[in-house]
Amino acid sequence: MRLITCYQTKNDCYKKATPMTPRGIVVHSTGASNPNLKRFVDCPAELGVNPYGNHWNNAGLNVMVHAFIGKDKDGAVTVANILPYTSAAWGVGKGAKGSYNYDPTGHIQFEICEDSLTDRGYFDAAFGAAAAYCAMLCKQFSLPVPSIVSHAEACRLGYASNHIDPEHWMKRFGQTMDDFRAQVQKLMADPTREPAGSPPAPPRQDDNPGTATVYIVVKGDTMSGIAAKYKITLAALVAANPQIKNPNLILAGQKVNIPGAAVSVPAASAAVPSAASNAAAPTVYIVAKGDTMSGIAAKHKLTLAALVAANPQIKNPHLILVGQKITIPAKA
């Protein structure tokens, strides 16, 4: 799962910033045949330019969710976080019992960008990313897996407007929300399991090696404030962003790479010898953009389980960061 953060600060919902404590997750799909994130998310550096400007980073819209899942500018399925998780979204409307937008029943909400609804490969990749994303959110906010619902289920429960997404799409491929929740549960129980439809991503080149999480600066941000938000030191953040010549002067719209634990190691997609010179000793692999644990395991002819076991410092094998050090265990 590739995750970027790009808050849509011009959206009225973002500006209102109604506090919300997440009680669950609502899964939406867009209802439009366009799998490209740039249609909805204004983040040209990562997603490309929307030539019509009809993305959600505009005032006057009465809709907003916490994230979108779709294709970035290179066609890779990506999760784009566009609203802080503790701000209420404007995604489900309301039903007879209330709304999952707001406390005390507020939910994190995300949209999956639909295509023509006939491409099984894209369906598996998008919903695989969605399952990994839900597993991450459930762990982060201590949410039970049964609290994950579709927009259609939220409506039936009385907390949303009348929509059928994304169940109409899932039915085309013989899937249900129960199947989706089961996949999330498996990811929660077994972190070595790859989500369905998530083949190893090919390595991708980047002019500015950073992390799997790219933060887009908004007005009022400072490097120290961003560091505090992600619970890292200012020195680590500065070291991960050599393109920022003056850390005391950052500009709205600028990309800031959020580092992993090994920010002092140059990001290079190659295995480099460890301190031991023995040919059978472990080596250290430096994560490149687009890498996955399963892809790294395949590259080094290892099982995913063996690679995960050799890297206990990686808490979520489905979310690794560019520049992070991966220990490649010696083969017997």
C-alpha atoms as a PDB file:
ATOM      1  CA  MET A   1       0.000   0.000   0.000  1.00  0.00           C
ATOM      2  CA  ARG A   2       1.356   3.385  -1.010  1.00  0.00           C
ATOM      3  CA  LEU A   3       0.065   6.234   1.149  1.00  0.00           C
ATOM      4  CA  ILE A   4       0.465   9.962   0.586  1.00  0.00           C
ATOM      5  CA  THR A   5      -0.917  12.856   2.612  1.00  0.00           C
ATOM      6  CA  CYS A   6      -2.212  15.836   0.658  1.00  0.00           C
ATOM      7  CA  TYR A   7      -4.773  17.861   2.610  1.00  0.00           C
ATOM      8  CA  GLN A   8      -7.318  19.701   0.469  1.00  0.00           C
ATOM      9  CA  THR A   9      -7.129  22.941   2.411  1.00  0.00           C
ATOM     10  CA  LYS A  10      -9.457  24.980   0.198  1.00  0.00           C
ATOM     11  CA  ASN A  11     -12.370  22.629   0.759  1.00  0.00           C
ATOM     12  CA  ASP A  12     -14.973  24.084   3.125  1.00  0.00           C
ATOM     13  CA  CYS A  13     -15.110  20.886   5.179  1.00  0.00           C
ATOM     14  CA  TYR A  14     -11.358  21.036   5.801  1.00  0.00           C
ATOM     15  CA  LYS A  15     -11.636  24.684   6.815  1.00  0.00           C
ATOM     16  CA  LYS A  16     -14.547  24.026   9.170  1.00  0.00           C
ATOM     17  CA  ALA A  17     -12.546  21.265  10.920  1.00  0.00           C
ATOM     18  CA  THR A  18     -15.403  19.902  13.035  1.00  0.00           C
ATOM     19  CA  PRO A  19     -13.808  17.597  15.657  1.00  0.00           C
ATOM     20  CA  MET A  20     -14.679  13.915  15.303  1.00  0.00           C
ATOM     21  CA  THR A  21     -13.616  10.786  17.209  1.00  0.00           C
ATOM     22  CA  PRO A  22     -13.549   7.801  14.800  1.00  0.00           C
ATOM     23  CA  ARG A  23     -15.975   5.013  15.717  1.00  0.00           C
ATOM     24  CA  GLY A  24     -15.692   3.074  12.471  1.00  0.00           C
ATOM     25  CA  ILE A  25     -14.935   3.273   8.753  1.00  0.00           C
ATOM     26  CA  VAL A  26     -17.218   3.882   5.765  1.00  0.00           C
ATOM     27  CA  VAL A  27     -16.142   2.583   2.355  1.00  0.00           C
ATOM     28  CA  HIS A  28     -17.458   4.532  -0.646  1.00  0.00           C
ATOM     29  CA  SER A  29     -16.897   4.356  -4.382  1.00  0.00           C
ATOM     30  CA  THR A  30     -17.129   7.339  -6.667  1.00  0.00           C
ATOM     31  CA  GLY A  31     -19.811   6.334  -9.143  1.00  0.00           C
ATOM     32  CA  ALA A  32     -17.787   7.804 -12.029  1.00  0.00           C
ATOM     33  CA  SER A  33     -15.699   5.912 -14.574  1.00  0.00           C
ATOM     34  CA  ASN A  34     -12.363   7.551 -13.819  1.00  0.00           C
ATOM     35  CA  PRO A  35      -9.776   5.643 -11.756  1.00  0.00           C
ATOM     36  CA  ASN A  36      -7.310   8.548 -11.687  1.00  0.00           C
ATOM     37  CA  LEU A  37      -6.853  10.259  -8.346  1.00  0.00           C
ATOM     38  CA  LYS A  38      -6.154  13.622  -9.987  1.00  0.00           C
ATOM     39  CA  ARG A  39      -9.841  13.865 -10.887  1.00  0.00           C
ATOM     40  CA  PHE A  40     -10.667  14.320  -7.189  1.00  0.00           C
ATOM     41  CA  VAL A  41      -7.411  15.163  -5.397  1.00  0.00           C
ATOM     42  CA  ASP A  42      -5.324  18.260  -6.057  1.00  0.00           C
ATOM     43  CA  CYS A  43      -1.752  17.021  -5.698  1.00  0.00           C
ATOM     44  CA  PRO A  44      -0.006  17.566  -9.053  1.00  0.00           C
ATOM     45  CA  ALA A  45       3.459  16.450  -7.952  1.00  0.00           C
ATOM     46  CA  GLU A  46       2.229  12.970  -7.033  1.00  0.00           C
ATOM     47  CA  LEU A  47      -0.978  12.531  -9.008  1.00  0.00           C
ATOM     48  CA  GLY A  48      -0.657  14.753 -12.070  1.00  0.00           C
ATOM     49  CA  VAL A  49      -2.613  17.848 -13.062  1.00  0.00           C
ATOM     50  CA  ASN A  50      -6.398  17.944 -13.372  1.00  0.00           C
ATOM     51  CA  PRO A  51      -6.752  20.166 -16.452  1.00  0.00           C
ATOM     52  CA  TYR A  52     -10.334  21.082 -15.575  1.00  0.00           C
ATOM     53  CA  GLY A  53      -9.665  22.042 -11.964  1.00  0.00           C
ATOM     54  CA  ASN A  54     -12.797  20.198 -10.820  1.00  0.00           C
ATOM     55  CA  HIS A  55     -11.066  18.391  -7.958  1.00  0.00           C
ATOM     56  CA  TRP A  56     -12.203  18.676  -4.352  1.00  0.00           C
ATOM     57  CA  ASN A  57      -9.627  21.268  -3.343  1.00  0.00           C
ATOM     58  CA  ASN A  58     -12.105  24.045  -4.041  1.00  0.00           C
ATOM     59  CA  ALA A  59     -14.447  26.154  -1.961  1.00  0.00           C
ATOM     60  CA  GLY A  60     -18.188  25.808  -2.385  1.00  0.00           C
ATOM     61  CA  LEU A  61     -18.338  22.002  -2.297  1.00  0.00           C
ATOM     62  CA  ASN A  62     -20.573  20.256   0.214  1.00  0.00           C
ATOM     63  CA  VAL A  63     -18.705  16.963   0.086  1.00  0.00           C
ATOM     64  CA  MET A  64     -15.453  15.664   1.604  1.00  0.00           C
ATOM     65  CA  VAL A  65     -13.952  12.359   2.746  1.00  0.00           C
ATOM     66  CA  HIS A  66     -10.729  11.467   4.516  1.00  0.00           C
ATOM     67  CA  ALA A  67      -9.069   9.697   1.601  1.00  0.00           C
ATOM     68  CA  PHE A  68      -9.296   8.469  -1.973  1.00  0.00           C
ATOM     69  CA  ILE A  69      -7.888   5.281  -3.470  1.00  0.00           C
ATOM     70  CA  GLY A  70      -7.024   5.198  -7.158  1.00  0.00           C
ATOM     71  CA  LYS A  71      -4.200   5.595  -9.661  1.00  0.00           C
ATOM     72  CA  ASP A  72      -1.391   8.122  -9.262  1.00  0.00           C
ATOM     73  CA  LYS A  73       0.326   9.860 -12.183  1.00  0.00           C
ATOM     74  CA  ASP A  74       2.298   6.679 -12.948  1.00  0.00           C
ATOM     75  CA  GLY A  75      -0.731   4.389 -12.812  1.00  0.00           C
ATOM     76  CA  ALA A  76       0.131   2.889  -9.402  1.00  0.00           C
ATOM     77  CA  VAL A  77      -2.777   2.339  -7.020  1.00  0.00           C
ATOM     78  CA  THR A  78      -2.276   4.785  -4.163  1.00  0.00           C
ATOM     79  CA  VAL A  79      -4.098   5.921  -1.025  1.00  0.00           C
ATOM     80  CA  ALA A  80      -4.317   9.720  -0.778  1.00  0.00           C
ATOM     81  CA  ASN A  81      -5.216  11.048   2.682  1.00  0.00           C
ATOM     82  CA  ILE A  82      -6.856  14.450   2.159  1.00  0.00           C
ATOM     83  CA  LEU A  83      -8.491  15.292   5.505  1.00  0.00           C
ATOM     84  CA  PRO A  84      -7.234  14.773   9.084  1.00  0.00           C
ATOM     85  CA  TYR A  85      -8.801  11.654  10.587  1.00  0.00           C
ATOM     86  CA  THR A  86     -10.066  13.577  13.604  1.00  0.00           C
ATOM     87  CA  SER A  87     -12.046  16.028  11.468  1.00  0.00           C
ATOM     88  CA  ALA A  88     -15.608  15.180  10.483  1.00  0.00           C
ATOM     89  CA  ALA A  89     -16.101  14.287   6.823  1.00  0.00           C
ATOM     90  CA  TRP A  90     -19.054  15.291   4.686  1.00  0.00           C
ATOM     91  CA  GLY A  91     -19.508  11.933   3.009  1.00  0.00           C
ATOM     92  CA  VAL A  92     -22.632  10.024   3.983  1.00  0.00           C
ATOM     93  CA  GLY A  93     -25.332  12.618   4.478  1.00  0.00           C
ATOM     94  CA  LYS A  94     -27.762  11.430   7.152  1.00  0.00           C
ATOM     95  CA  GLY A  95     -30.386   8.797   7.799  1.00  0.00           C
ATOM     96  CA  ALA A  96     -33.266   8.218  10.194  1.00  0.00           C
ATOM     97  CA  LYS A  97     -30.980   7.683  13.196  1.00  0.00           C
ATOM     98  CA  GLY A  98     -28.352  10.336  12.482  1.00  0.00           C
ATOM     99  CA  SER A  99     -25.104  10.584  10.531  1.00  0.00           C
ATOM    100  CA  TYR A 100     -21.787   8.764  10.450  1.00  0.00           C
ATOM    101  CA  ASN A 101     -20.233  12.116   9.573  1.00  0.00           C
ATOM    102  CA  TYR A 102     -20.331  13.476  13.116  1.00  0.00           C
ATOM    103  CA  ASP A 103     -19.854  12.544  16.761  1.00  0.00           C
ATOM    104  CA  PRO A 104     -21.011  10.513  18.580  1.00  0.00           C
ATOM    105  CA  THR A 105     -21.154   8.158  15.600  1.00  0.00           C
ATOM    106  CA  GLY A 106     -18.426   9.679  13.415  1.00  0.00           C
ATOM    107  CA  HIS A 107     -16.582   7.438  10.945  1.00  0.00           C
ATOM    108  CA  ILE A 108     -13.429   7.725   8.873  1.00  0.00           C
ATOM    109  CA  GLN A 109     -14.543   7.680   5.243  1.00  0.00           C
ATOM    110  CA  PHE A 110     -12.776   7.020   1.964  1.00  0.00           C
ATOM    111  CA  GLU A 111     -13.722   6.750  -1.697  1.00  0.00           C
ATOM    112  CA  ILE A 112     -12.401   4.151  -4.142  1.00  0.00           C
ATOM    113  CA  CYS A 113     -12.179   5.591  -7.664  1.00  0.00           C
ATOM    114  CA  GLU A 114     -14.309   3.517 -10.005  1.00  0.00           C
ATOM    115  CA  ASP A 115     -13.338   2.559 -13.541  1.00  0.00           C
ATOM    116  CA  SER A 116     -15.616   0.875 -16.089  1.00  0.00           C
ATOM    117  CA  LEU A 117     -16.317  -1.836 -13.449  1.00  0.00           C
ATOM    118  CA  THR A 118     -15.074  -4.549 -15.806  1.00  0.00           C
ATOM    119  CA  ASP A 119     -11.334  -4.691 -14.983  1.00  0.00           C
ATOM    120  CA  ARG A 120     -10.716  -7.449 -12.431  1.00  0.00           C
ATOM    121  CA  GLY A 121      -7.054  -6.472 -12.056  1.00  0.00           C
ATOM    122  CA  TYR A 122      -7.869  -2.917 -11.033  1.00  0.00           C
ATOM    123  CA  PHE A 123     -10.713  -4.082  -8.786  1.00  0.00           C
ATOM    124  CA  ASP A 124      -8.397  -6.453  -6.910  1.00  0.00           C
ATOM    125  CA  ALA A 125      -5.618  -3.869  -6.612  1.00  0.00           C
ATOM    126  CA  ALA A 126      -7.939  -1.095  -5.422  1.00  0.00           C
ATOM    127  CA  PHE A 127      -9.834  -3.210  -2.909  1.00  0.00           C
ATOM    128  CA  GLY A 128      -6.576  -4.854  -1.793  1.00  0.00           C
ATOM    129  CA  ALA A 129      -5.207  -1.396  -0.988  1.00  0.00           C
ATOM    130  CA  ALA A 130      -8.502  -0.560   0.729  1.00  0.00           C
ATOM    131  CA  ALA A 131      -8.245  -3.654   2.933  1.00  0.00           C
ATOM    132  CA  ALA A 132      -4.652  -2.831   3.912  1.00  0.00           C
ATOM    133  CA  TYR A 133      -5.690   0.766   4.611  1.00  0.00           C
ATOM    134  CA  CYS A 134      -8.589  -0.369   6.810  1.00  0.00           C
ATOM    135  CA  ALA A 135      -6.280  -2.726   8.709  1.00  0.00           C
ATOM    136  CA  MET A 136      -3.898   0.175   9.342  1.00  0.00           C
ATOM    137  CA  LEU A 137      -6.725   2.452  10.512  1.00  0.00           C
ATOM    138  CA  CYS A 138      -8.246  -0.232  12.745  1.00  0.00           C
ATOM    139  CA  LYS A 139      -4.906  -0.655  14.494  1.00  0.00           C
ATOM    140  CA  GLN A 140      -4.258   3.084  14.720  1.00  0.00           C
ATOM    141  CA  PHE A 141      -7.658   3.941  16.200  1.00  0.00           C
ATOM    142  CA  SER A 142      -8.453   0.633  17.952  1.00  0.00           C
ATOM    143  CA  LEU A 143     -11.488   0.068  15.729  1.00  0.00           C
ATOM    144  CA  PRO A 144     -13.165  -3.351  15.536  1.00  0.00           C
ATOM    145  CA  VAL A 145     -13.342  -4.823  12.042  1.00  0.00           C
ATOM    146  CA  PRO A 146     -17.175  -5.097  12.179  1.00  0.00           C
ATOM    147  CA  SER A 147     -17.261  -1.279  12.402  1.00  0.00           C
ATOM    148  CA  ILE A 148     -16.211  -1.159   8.717  1.00  0.00           C
ATOM    149  CA  VAL A 149     -19.313  -0.621   6.575  1.00  0.00           C
ATOM    150  CA  SER A 150     -20.175   0.320   3.021  1.00  0.00           C
ATOM    151  CA  HIS A 151     -22.164   3.460   2.263  1.00  0.00           C
ATOM    152  CA  ALA A 152     -25.055   1.120   1.412  1.00  0.00           C
ATOM    153  CA  GLU A 153     -24.817  -0.587   4.814  1.00  0.00           C
ATOM    154  CA  ALA A 154     -24.600   2.780   6.583  1.00  0.00           C
ATOM    155  CA  CYS A 155     -27.864   3.706   4.879  1.00  0.00           C
ATOM    156  CA  ARG A 156     -29.538   0.457   5.941  1.00  0.00           C
ATOM    157  CA  LEU A 157     -28.361   1.070   9.501  1.00  0.00           C
ATOM    158  CA  GLY A 158     -30.015   4.508   9.456  1.00  0.00           C
ATOM    159  CA  TYR A 159     -26.893   6.710   9.468  1.00  0.00           C
ATOM    160  CA  ALA A 160     -26.492   7.678   5.805  1.00  0.00           C
ATOM    161  CA  SER A 161     -28.277   8.763   2.671  1.00  0.00           C
ATOM    162  CA  ASN A 162     -29.598   6.180   0.225  1.00  0.00           C
ATOM    163  CA  HIS A 163     -26.640   4.908  -1.830  1.00  0.00           C
ATOM    164  CA  ILE A 164     -25.594   1.474  -3.077  1.00  0.00           C
ATOM    165  CA  ASP A 165     -21.824   1.972  -3.251  1.00  0.00           C
ATOM    166  CA  PRO A 166     -19.539   0.159  -3.367  1.00  0.00           C
ATOM    167  CA  GLU A 167     -21.624  -3.020  -3.246  1.00  0.00           C
ATOM    168  CA  HIS A 168     -22.837  -2.652  -6.850  1.00  0.00           C
ATOM    169  CA  TRP A 169     -19.175  -2.862  -7.959  1.00  0.00           C
ATOM    170  CA  MET A 170     -18.282  -5.725  -5.622  1.00  0.00           C
ATOM    171  CA  LYS A 171     -21.199  -7.846  -6.829  1.00  0.00           C
ATOM    172  CA  ARG A 172     -19.794  -7.811 -10.360  1.00  0.00           C
ATOM    173  CA  PHE A 173     -16.831  -9.820  -9.092  1.00  0.00           C
ATOM    174  CA  GLY A 174     -18.710 -12.029  -6.651  1.00  0.00           C
ATOM    175  CA  GLN A 175     -17.607 -10.101  -3.557  1.00  0.00           C
ATOM    176  CA  THR A 176     -19.509  -8.780  -0.549  1.00  0.00           C
ATOM    177  CA  MET A 177     -18.674  -6.503   2.369  1.00  0.00           C
ATOM    178  CA  ASP A 178     -18.462  -9.623   4.542  1.00  0.00           C
ATOM    179  CA  ASP A 179     -15.693 -10.858   2.236  1.00  0.00           C
ATOM    180  CA  PHE A 180     -13.966  -7.489   2.509  1.00  0.00           C
ATOM    181  CA  ARG A 181     -14.155  -7.454   6.306  1.00  0.00           C
ATOM    182  CA  ALA A 182     -12.805 -11.012   6.385  1.00  0.00           C
ATOM    183  CA  GLN A 183      -9.822  -9.872   4.312  1.00  0.00           C
ATOM    184  CA  VAL A 184      -9.169  -7.003   6.723  1.00  0.00           C
ATOM    185  CA  GLN A 185      -9.445  -9.404   9.661  1.00  0.00           C
ATOM    186  CA  LYS A 186      -6.864 -11.711   8.087  1.00  0.00           C
ATOM    187  CA  LEU A 187      -4.489  -8.799   7.592  1.00  0.00           C
ATOM    188  CA  MET A 188      -4.958  -7.823  11.224  1.00  0.00           C
ATOM    189  CA  ALA A 189      -4.293 -11.375  12.422  1.00  0.00           C
ATOM    190  CA  ASP A 190      -1.431 -12.192  10.052  1.00  0.00           C
ATOM    191  CA  PRO A 191       0.723  -9.198   9.045  1.00  0.00           C
ATOM    192  CA  THR A 192       2.705 -11.385   6.601  1.00  0.00           C
ATOM    193  CA  ARG A 193      -0.374 -11.925   4.445  1.00  0.00           C
ATOM    194  CA  GLU A 194      -0.500  -9.859   1.264  1.00  0.00           C
ATOM    195  CA  PRO A 195      -3.902  -8.343   0.406  1.00  0.00           C
ATOM    196  CA  ALA A 196      -5.665 -10.018  -2.507  1.00  0.00           C
ATOM    197  CA  GLY A 197      -4.835  -8.325  -5.777  1.00  0.00           C
ATOM    198  CA  SER A 198      -1.615  -6.771  -4.490  1.00  0.00           C
ATOM    199  CA  PRO A 199       1.232  -8.131  -6.644  1.00  0.00           C
ATOM    200  CA  PRO A 200       4.738  -6.786  -6.032  1.00  0.00           C
ATOM    201  CA  ALA A 201       4.889  -3.225  -7.335  1.00  0.00           C
ATOM    202  CA  PRO A 202       7.657  -2.562  -9.888  1.00  0.00           C
ATOM    203  CA  PRO A 203      10.437  -0.227  -8.747  1.00  0.00           C
ATOM    204  CA  ARG A 204       9.683   3.396  -9.645  1.00  0.00           C
ATOM    205  CA  GLN A 205      12.213   6.139 -10.066  1.00  0.00           C
ATOM    206  CA  ASP A 206      11.800   9.414  -8.217  1.00  0.00           C
ATOM    207  CA  ASP A 207      13.785  12.598  -8.630  1.00  0.00           C
ATOM    208  CA  ASN A 208      13.486  13.250  -4.925  1.00  0.00           C
ATOM    209  CA  PRO A 209      13.754   9.993  -2.956  1.00  0.00           C
ATOM    210  CA  GLY A 210      11.547  10.261   0.102  1.00  0.00           C
ATOM    211  CA  THR A 211       9.173   8.043   1.992  1.00  0.00           C
ATOM    212  CA  ALA A 212       6.006   6.170   1.166  1.00  0.00           C
ATOM    213  CA  THR A 213       4.271   9.022   2.976  1.00  0.00           C
ATOM    214  CA  VAL A 214       4.627  12.388   1.281  1.00  0.00           C
ATOM    215  CA  TYR A 215       3.242  15.356   3.200  1.00  0.00           C
ATOM    216  CA  ILE A 216       2.102  18.394   1.234  1.00  0.00           C
ATOM    217  CA  VAL A 217       2.763  21.648   3.080  1.00  0.00           C
ATOM    218  CA  VAL A 218      -0.226  23.827   3.903  1.00  0.00           C
ATOM    219  CA  LYS A 219      -0.299  27.462   4.965  1.00  0.00           C
ATOM    220  CA  GLY A 220       1.005  27.867   8.513  1.00  0.00           C
ATOM    221  CA  ASP A 221       3.076  24.672   8.534  1.00  0.00           C
ATOM    222  CA  THR A 222       6.605  24.609   9.911  1.00  0.00           C
ATOM    223  CA  MET A 223       9.174  21.840   9.749  1.00  0.00           C
ATOM    224  CA  SER A 224       9.133  21.518  13.532  1.00  0.00           C
ATOM    225  CA  GLY A 225       5.337  21.301  13.513  1.00  0.00           C
ATOM    226  CA  ILE A 226       5.350  18.599  10.833  1.00  0.00           C
ATOM    227  CA  ALA A 227       8.010  16.671  12.764  1.00  0.00           C
ATOM    228  CA  ALA A 228       5.905  16.826  15.917  1.00  0.00           C
ATOM    229  CA  LYS A 229       2.809  15.676  14.019  1.00  0.00           C
ATOM    230  CA  TYR A 230       4.599  12.530  12.837  1.00  0.00           C
ATOM    231  CA  LYS A 231       6.452  12.020  16.152  1.00  0.00           C
ATOM    232  CA  ILE A 232       9.934  12.301  14.675  1.00  0.00           C
ATOM    233  CA  THR A 233      12.809  14.637  15.459  1.00  0.00           C
ATOM    234  CA  LEU A 234      13.310  17.836  13.505  1.00  0.00           C
ATOM    235  CA  ALA A 235      16.828  16.682  12.630  1.00  0.00           C
ATOM    236  CA  ALA A 236      15.464  13.458  11.118  1.00  0.00           C
ATOM    237  CA  LEU A 237      12.915  15.374   9.062  1.00  0.00           C
ATOM    238  CA  VAL A 238      15.522  17.831   7.800  1.00  0.00           C
ATOM    239  CA  ALA A 239      17.903  14.974   6.923  1.00  0.00           C
ATOM    240  CA  ALA A 240      15.189  13.277   4.854  1.00  0.00           C
ATOM    241  CA  ASN A 241      14.562  16.450   2.833  1.00  0.00           C
ATOM    242  CA  PRO A 242      17.845  17.686   1.363  1.00  0.00           C
ATOM    243  CA  GLN A 243      15.873  19.527  -1.318  1.00  0.00           C
ATOM    244  CA  ILE A 244      14.728  21.995   1.367  1.00  0.00           C
ATOM    245  CA  LYS A 245      17.657  24.392   1.576  1.00  0.00           C
ATOM    246  CA  ASN A 246      16.238  26.497   4.404  1.00  0.00           C
ATOM    247  CA  PRO A 247      14.186  24.501   6.947  1.00  0.00           C
ATOM    248  CA  ASN A 248      12.904  27.764   8.370  1.00  0.00           C
ATOM    249  CA  LEU A 249      11.237  28.631   5.070  1.00  0.00           C
ATOM    250  CA  ILE A 250       8.818  26.124   3.554  1.00  0.00           C
ATOM    251  CA  LEU A 251       6.090  26.946   1.074  1.00  0.00           C
ATOM    252  CA  ALA A 252       2.483  25.819   0.767  1.00  0.00           C
ATOM    253  CA  GLY A 253       2.269  23.014  -1.784  1.00  0.00           C
ATOM    254  CA  GLN A 254       5.848  21.875  -1.184  1.00  0.00           C
ATOM    255  CA  LYS A 255       6.500  18.120  -0.737  1.00  0.00           C
ATOM    256  CA  VAL A 256       8.020  16.996   2.553  1.00  0.00           C
ATOM    257  CA  ASN A 257       9.171  13.399   2.850  1.00  0.00           C
ATOM    258  CA  ILE A 258       8.278  11.741   6.159  1.00  0.00           C
ATOM    259  CA  PRO A 259      11.232   9.475   6.996  1.00  0.00           C
ATOM    260  CA  GLY A 260      11.359   5.998   8.412  1.00  0.00           C
ATOM    261  CA  ALA A 261      13.777   4.975  11.102  1.00  0.00           C
ATOM    262  CA  ALA A 262      16.834   4.996   8.866  1.00  0.00           C
ATOM    263  CA  VAL A 263      16.862   8.483   7.391  1.00  0.00           C
ATOM    264  CA  SER A 264      20.639   8.805   7.516  1.00  0.00           C
ATOM    265  CA  VAL A 265      21.091   6.042   4.944  1.00  0.00           C
ATOM    266  CA  PRO A 266      21.063   7.225   1.302  1.00  0.00           C
ATOM    267  CA  ALA A 267      18.057   5.847  -0.550  1.00  0.00           C
ATOM    268  CA  ALA A 268      19.300   3.506  -3.237  1.00  0.00           C
ATOM    269  CA  SER A 269      17.546   0.480  -4.634  1.00  0.00           C
ATOM    270  CA  ALA A 270      20.337  -1.984  -3.998  1.00  0.00           C
ATOM    271  CA  ALA A 271      21.509  -4.415  -1.359  1.00  0.00           C
ATOM    272  CA  VAL A 272      24.682  -3.263   0.332  1.00  0.00           C
ATOM    273  CA  PRO A 273      26.977  -5.391   2.475  1.00  0.00           C
ATOM    274  CA  SER A 274      26.486  -5.279   6.217  1.00  0.00           C
ATOM    275  CA  ALA A 275      29.375  -4.888   8.611  1.00  0.00           C
ATOM    276  CA  ALA A 276      30.134  -8.586   8.422  1.00  0.00           C
ATOM    277  CA  SER A 277      32.170  -9.622   5.407  1.00  0.00           C
ATOM    278  CA  ASN A 278      31.098 -13.270   5.518  1.00  0.00           C
ATOM    279  CA  ALA A 279      29.300 -14.121   2.261  1.00  0.00           C
ATOM    280  CA  ALA A 280      26.606 -15.918   4.254  1.00  0.00           C
ATOM    281  CA  ALA A 281      25.943 -12.926   6.522  1.00  0.00           C
ATOM    282  CA  PRO A 282      22.764 -10.853   6.211  1.00  0.00           C
ATOM    283  CA  THR A 283      22.743  -7.855   3.889  1.00  0.00           C
ATOM    284  CA  VAL A 284      20.830  -4.604   4.147  1.00  0.00           C
ATOM    285  CA  TYR A 285      18.411  -3.516   1.428  1.00  0.00           C
ATOM    286  CA  ILE A 286      17.387   0.145   1.133  1.00  0.00           C
ATOM    287  CA  VAL A 287      13.732   0.578   0.204  1.00  0.00           C
ATOM    288  CA  ALA A 288      13.025   2.417  -3.059  1.00  0.00           C
ATOM    289  CA  LYS A 289       9.765   4.020  -4.123  1.00  0.00           C
ATOM    290  CA  GLY A 290       7.293   1.349  -5.223  1.00  0.00           C
ATOM    291  CA  ASP A 291       8.894  -1.464  -3.215  1.00  0.00           C
ATOM    292  CA  THR A 292       6.797  -3.928  -1.233  1.00  0.00           C
ATOM    293  CA  MET A 293       7.940  -6.562   1.232  1.00  0.00           C
ATOM    294  CA  SER A 294       6.658  -9.320  -1.044  1.00  0.00           C
ATOM    295  CA  GLY A 295       8.532  -7.827  -3.989  1.00  0.00           C
ATOM    296  CA  ILE A 296      11.763  -7.570  -2.007  1.00  0.00           C
ATOM    297  CA  ALA A 297      11.327 -11.161  -0.818  1.00  0.00           C
ATOM    298  CA  ALA A 298      10.821 -12.380  -4.388  1.00  0.00           C
ATOM    299  CA  LYS A 299      13.835 -10.387  -5.590  1.00  0.00           C
ATOM    300  CA  HIS A 300      16.048 -12.127  -3.031  1.00  0.00           C
ATOM    301  CA  LYS A 301      14.358 -15.534  -3.469  1.00  0.00           C
ATOM    302  CA  LEU A 302      12.993 -15.588   0.071  1.00  0.00           C
ATOM    303  CA  THR A 303       9.579 -16.280   1.508  1.00  0.00           C
ATOM    304  CA  LEU A 304       7.656 -13.258   2.742  1.00  0.00           C
ATOM    305  CA  ALA A 305       7.434 -14.869   6.182  1.00  0.00           C
ATOM    306  CA  ALA A 306      11.227 -15.219   6.377  1.00  0.00           C
ATOM    307  CA  LEU A 307      11.743 -11.578   5.406  1.00  0.00           C
ATOM    308  CA  VAL A 308       9.183 -10.343   7.943  1.00  0.00           C
ATOM    309  CA  ALA A 309      10.745 -12.505  10.674  1.00  0.00           C
ATOM    310  CA  ALA A 310      14.152 -10.952   9.969  1.00  0.00           C
ATOM    311  CA  ASN A 311      12.765  -7.433  10.357  1.00  0.00           C
ATOM    312  CA  PRO A 312      10.901  -7.156  13.669  1.00  0.00           C
ATOM    313  CA  GLN A 313      11.358  -3.374  13.579  1.00  0.00           C
ATOM    314  CA  ILE A 314       8.766  -3.216  10.778  1.00  0.00           C
ATOM    315  CA  LYS A 315       5.435  -3.140  12.561  1.00  0.00           C
ATOM    316  CA  ASN A 316       3.286  -3.151   9.407  1.00  0.00           C
ATOM    317  CA  PRO A 317       4.787  -5.139   6.507  1.00  0.00           C
ATOM    318  CA  HIS A 318       2.227  -3.584   4.167  1.00  0.00           C
ATOM    319  CA  LEU A 319       3.584  -0.080   4.798  1.00  0.00           C
ATOM    320  CA  ILE A 320       7.328   0.341   4.267  1.00  0.00           C
ATOM    321  CA  LEU A 321       9.092   3.625   3.699  1.00  0.00           C
ATOM    322  CA  VAL A 322      11.576   4.721   1.066  1.00  0.00           C
ATOM    323  CA  GLY A 323      15.019   4.927   2.642  1.00  0.00           C
ATOM    324  CA  GLN A 324      14.103   2.334   5.275  1.00  0.00           C
ATOM    325  CA  LYS A 325      16.626  -0.468   5.958  1.00  0.00           C
ATOM    326  CA  ILE A 326      15.434  -4.037   5.319  1.00  0.00           C
ATOM    327  CA  THR A 327      17.585  -6.889   6.608  1.00  0.00           C
ATOM    328  CA  ILE A 328      17.977  -9.620   3.987  1.00  0.00           C
ATOM    329  CA  PRO A 329      18.563 -12.837   5.929  1.00  0.00           C
ATOM    330  CA  ALA A 330      21.293 -15.233   4.822  1.00  0.00           C
ATOM    331  CA  LYS A 331      19.977 -18.267   3.009  1.00  0.00           C
ATOM    332  CA  ALA A 332      20.962 -21.639   4.381  1.00  0.00           C
END
